[in-house]
């Protein structure tokens, strides 16, 4: 099966591939963290009784969710330098695009999680003397997070896969690094198969974790 498969080219390329994987993981962690923070703020605003703010957030969420991610990357890559008047690195323009894009999806997940908490618990918290922000922080969000974790993890897996799009602005992620080595050494089968196996292992492991948490929290 592995006749002619050159393991040596993989071994020699590991440091180079690892640099690409570091960029992939860094973008994923930062985008997920930033998306969660911004998504939480957007979800709370959208659930607020202030209609103009709620409608503005709804428009933002619906607009970004209707756009292909690669188009959003191009927008921020070309738009940020024009707006700020300064040069912005590809890494930060892509990171901002990822955070803004993921926040639209996370906000809907978080909004659904918050809405899943029964209104009676909010009323009880207010009756005990908590302010609305305190009720949201100490009563609603902890329960909502429990309901949201499996879906949030699933979206984070998608974010990991979407990092492969950064090649369009010249960033060297894991897939791009493998492509460079494949072209240099004329070994596409070894490199692309390795990339596929790595993503398979990472995404399958994360999916198993999602299923485990889904079963746990559904009890």
Protein backbone atom coordinates (compact mmCIF):
# COMPACT_ATOMS: atom_id res chain seq x y z
CA UNK A 1 0.00 0.00 0.00
CA UNK A 2 2.81 2.38 0.91
CA UNK A 3 5.17 1.27 -1.86
CA UNK A 4 6.92 4.34 -3.14
CA UNK A 5 5.61 6.45 -0.25
CA UNK A 6 8.48 8.74 0.79
CA UNK A 7 8.40 9.06 4.57
CA UNK A 8 11.76 10.80 4.49
CA UNK A 9 10.34 13.93 2.87
CA UNK A 10 7.77 14.16 5.67
CA UNK A 11 10.39 13.78 8.39
CA UNK A 12 12.61 16.45 6.85
CA UNK A 13 9.67 18.80 6.42
CA UNK A 14 8.25 18.45 9.94
CA UNK A 15 9.76 21.72 11.30
CA UNK A 16 8.40 23.65 8.30
CA UNK A 17 4.99 22.00 8.57
CA UNK A 18 4.91 22.63 12.30
CA UNK A 19 5.38 26.36 11.71
CA UNK A 20 2.32 26.28 9.47
CA UNK A 21 0.36 24.31 12.05
CA UNK A 22 1.28 26.86 14.71
CA UNK A 23 -0.28 29.60 12.59
CA UNK A 24 -3.39 27.48 12.02
CA UNK A 25 -3.80 26.79 15.74
CA UNK A 26 -3.04 30.39 16.70
CA UNK A 27 -5.65 31.76 14.33
CA UNK A 28 -8.20 29.20 15.51
CA UNK A 29 -7.72 29.92 19.22
CA UNK A 30 -7.72 33.70 18.81
CA UNK A 31 -10.67 33.70 16.40
CA UNK A 32 -12.73 31.43 18.64
CA UNK A 33 -11.91 33.45 21.76
CA UNK A 34 -12.58 36.80 20.12
CA UNK A 35 -15.68 35.49 18.36
CA UNK A 36 -17.11 34.19 21.63
CA UNK A 37 -16.56 37.50 23.43
CA UNK A 38 -18.01 39.61 20.64
CA UNK A 39 -20.76 37.05 19.97
CA UNK A 40 -21.86 37.17 23.62
CA UNK A 41 -22.09 40.96 23.51
CA UNK A 42 -24.06 40.83 20.26
CA UNK A 43 -26.43 38.18 21.62
CA UNK A 44 -27.18 40.20 24.76
CA UNK A 45 -27.78 43.35 22.70
CA UNK A 46 -30.06 41.51 20.30
CA UNK A 47 -32.13 40.24 23.23
CA UNK A 48 -32.38 43.72 24.74
CA UNK A 49 -35.69 45.64 24.61
CA UNK A 50 -33.98 48.53 22.81
CA UNK A 51 -35.30 47.93 19.30
CA UNK A 52 -32.84 50.06 17.27
CA UNK A 53 -29.85 48.25 18.81
CA UNK A 54 -31.50 44.87 18.46
CA UNK A 55 -32.34 45.50 14.83
CA UNK A 56 -28.81 46.76 14.07
CA UNK A 57 -27.28 43.60 15.54
CA UNK A 58 -29.79 41.43 13.65
CA UNK A 59 -28.81 43.16 10.40
CA UNK A 60 -25.11 42.64 11.15
CA UNK A 61 -25.60 38.94 11.96
CA UNK A 62 -27.79 38.20 8.97
CA UNK A 63 -25.50 40.10 6.60
CA UNK A 64 -22.30 38.30 7.63
CA UNK A 65 -23.96 34.90 7.79
CA UNK A 66 -25.07 35.34 4.19
CA UNK A 67 -21.53 36.09 2.97
CA UNK A 68 -18.85 33.53 2.01
CA UNK A 69 -15.95 33.69 4.47
CA UNK A 70 -13.40 34.09 1.70
CA UNK A 71 -15.17 37.27 0.58
CA UNK A 72 -15.14 38.63 4.14
CA UNK A 73 -11.38 37.96 4.31
CA UNK A 74 -10.84 39.94 1.11
CA UNK A 75 -12.98 42.78 2.45
CA UNK A 76 -11.01 43.21 5.65
CA UNK A 77 -7.68 42.67 3.91
CA UNK A 78 -8.35 45.55 1.53
CA UNK A 79 -10.68 47.69 3.69
CA UNK A 80 -8.75 48.07 6.96
CA UNK A 81 -5.69 49.79 5.40
CA UNK A 82 -7.99 52.16 3.48
CA UNK A 83 -10.01 53.07 6.59
CA UNK A 84 -7.09 53.40 9.02
CA UNK A 85 -4.65 54.85 6.51
CA UNK A 86 -1.93 52.53 7.83
CA UNK A 87 -0.56 49.24 6.69
CA UNK A 88 -2.04 46.24 8.51
CA UNK A 89 -0.40 42.83 8.36
CA UNK A 90 -2.16 39.97 6.67
CA UNK A 91 -2.34 38.11 9.97
CA UNK A 92 -4.26 40.83 11.81
CA UNK A 93 -6.58 41.60 8.91
CA UNK A 94 -7.46 37.90 8.63
CA UNK A 95 -7.85 37.60 12.40
CA UNK A 96 -10.26 40.53 12.49
CA UNK A 97 -12.23 39.02 9.61
CA UNK A 98 -12.42 35.67 11.40
CA UNK A 99 -13.54 37.24 14.68
CA UNK A 100 -16.21 39.38 13.05
CA UNK A 101 -17.45 36.48 10.93
CA UNK A 102 -17.49 33.92 13.74
CA UNK A 103 -19.13 36.37 16.14
CA UNK A 104 -22.18 36.41 13.86
CA UNK A 105 -22.54 32.64 14.22
CA UNK A 106 -21.65 32.51 17.90
CA UNK A 107 -24.15 35.24 18.69
CA UNK A 108 -26.99 33.14 17.27
CA UNK A 109 -25.82 30.09 19.21
CA UNK A 110 -25.56 32.12 22.41
CA UNK A 111 -28.91 33.81 21.81
CA UNK A 112 -30.56 30.41 21.43
CA UNK A 113 -28.84 29.21 24.60
CA UNK A 114 -30.00 32.24 26.58
CA UNK A 115 -33.53 31.87 25.23
CA UNK A 116 -33.54 28.24 26.38
CA UNK A 117 -33.38 29.35 30.04
CA UNK A 118 -36.89 29.58 31.44
CA UNK A 119 -38.17 33.08 32.08
CA UNK A 120 -39.31 32.04 35.55
CA UNK A 121 -35.71 31.74 36.68
CA UNK A 122 -34.99 35.29 35.58
CA UNK A 123 -38.06 36.51 37.46
CA UNK A 124 -36.93 34.61 40.55
CA UNK A 125 -33.45 36.14 40.35
CA UNK A 126 -34.93 39.64 40.08
CA UNK A 127 -37.25 38.90 42.99
CA UNK A 128 -34.20 37.99 45.10
CA UNK A 129 -32.78 41.46 44.52
CA UNK A 130 -30.43 40.85 41.60
CA UNK A 131 -30.20 43.51 38.94
CA UNK A 132 -30.89 42.45 35.32
CA UNK A 133 -27.14 42.37 34.49
CA UNK A 134 -26.46 40.30 37.61
CA UNK A 135 -29.29 37.92 36.75
CA UNK A 136 -27.82 37.52 33.28
CA UNK A 137 -24.33 36.91 34.62
CA UNK A 138 -25.04 34.64 37.57
CA UNK A 139 -28.25 32.85 36.60
CA UNK A 140 -28.84 32.88 32.86
CA UNK A 141 -25.38 32.61 31.30
CA UNK A 142 -24.13 29.65 33.40
CA UNK A 143 -27.16 27.58 32.36
CA UNK A 144 -27.05 28.83 28.78
CA UNK A 145 -23.38 27.88 28.43
CA UNK A 146 -24.20 24.35 29.49
CA UNK A 147 -26.74 24.08 26.68
CA UNK A 148 -24.46 25.76 24.14
CA UNK A 149 -21.18 23.90 24.66
CA UNK A 150 -21.72 21.11 22.07
CA UNK A 151 -22.81 23.53 19.34
CA UNK A 152 -20.01 25.98 20.20
CA UNK A 153 -17.45 23.20 19.89
CA UNK A 154 -18.90 22.18 16.54
CA UNK A 155 -18.58 25.74 15.26
CA UNK A 156 -15.01 25.86 16.55
CA UNK A 157 -14.19 22.74 14.51
CA UNK A 158 -15.53 24.51 11.44
CA UNK A 159 -13.33 27.49 12.31
CA UNK A 160 -10.27 25.24 12.37
CA UNK A 161 -11.12 23.96 8.91
CA UNK A 162 -11.80 27.47 7.60
CA UNK A 163 -8.28 28.65 8.47
CA UNK A 164 -7.11 27.00 5.25
CA UNK A 165 -8.60 30.01 3.41
CA UNK A 166 -5.80 32.31 4.60
CA UNK A 167 -3.72 31.33 1.57
CA UNK A 168 -5.65 33.97 -0.40
CA UNK A 169 -3.79 36.76 1.45
CA UNK A 170 -0.40 35.06 1.42
CA UNK A 171 -0.34 33.57 4.93
CA UNK A 172 1.46 30.27 5.32
CA UNK A 173 -0.82 28.01 7.35
CA UNK A 174 -0.54 24.24 7.67
CA UNK A 175 -2.14 23.47 4.30
CA UNK A 176 -0.15 26.15 2.49
CA UNK A 177 3.09 24.89 4.04
CA UNK A 178 2.29 21.39 2.84
CA UNK A 179 1.53 22.74 -0.63
CA UNK A 180 4.90 24.50 -0.74
CA UNK A 181 6.76 21.32 0.21
CA UNK A 182 4.68 19.25 -2.23
CA UNK A 183 5.58 21.60 -5.08
CA UNK A 184 9.23 21.85 -4.09
CA UNK A 185 9.86 18.12 -3.72
CA UNK A 186 7.23 16.94 -6.20
CA UNK A 187 5.59 14.81 -3.50
CA UNK A 188 1.91 15.85 -3.50
CA UNK A 189 0.56 12.46 -2.41
CA UNK A 190 2.67 12.30 0.75
CA UNK A 191 2.01 15.89 1.78
CA UNK A 192 -1.70 16.14 0.99
CA UNK A 193 -2.39 12.74 2.55
CA UNK A 194 -0.58 13.86 5.70
CA UNK A 195 -2.63 17.07 5.85
CA UNK A 196 -5.84 15.07 5.40
CA UNK A 197 -4.87 12.63 8.16
CA UNK A 198 -3.94 15.41 10.58
CA UNK A 199 -7.24 17.24 10.04
CA UNK A 200 -9.10 13.94 10.25
CA UNK A 201 -7.53 13.08 13.62
CA UNK A 202 -8.06 16.56 15.07
CA UNK A 203 -11.62 17.02 13.81
CA UNK A 204 -12.69 13.45 14.60
CA UNK A 205 -11.34 13.76 18.16
CA UNK A 206 -13.14 17.07 18.61
CA UNK A 207 -16.34 15.57 17.18
CA UNK A 208 -16.17 12.71 19.65
CA UNK A 209 -15.78 15.27 22.43
CA UNK A 210 -18.85 17.10 21.15
CA UNK A 211 -20.90 13.89 21.15
CA UNK A 212 -19.70 13.03 24.63
CA UNK A 213 -20.67 16.43 25.99
CA UNK A 214 -23.99 16.33 24.16
CA UNK A 215 -24.87 13.02 25.83
CA UNK A 216 -23.66 14.29 29.18
CA UNK A 217 -25.68 17.49 29.14
CA UNK A 218 -28.78 15.85 27.72
CA UNK A 219 -29.14 13.69 30.82
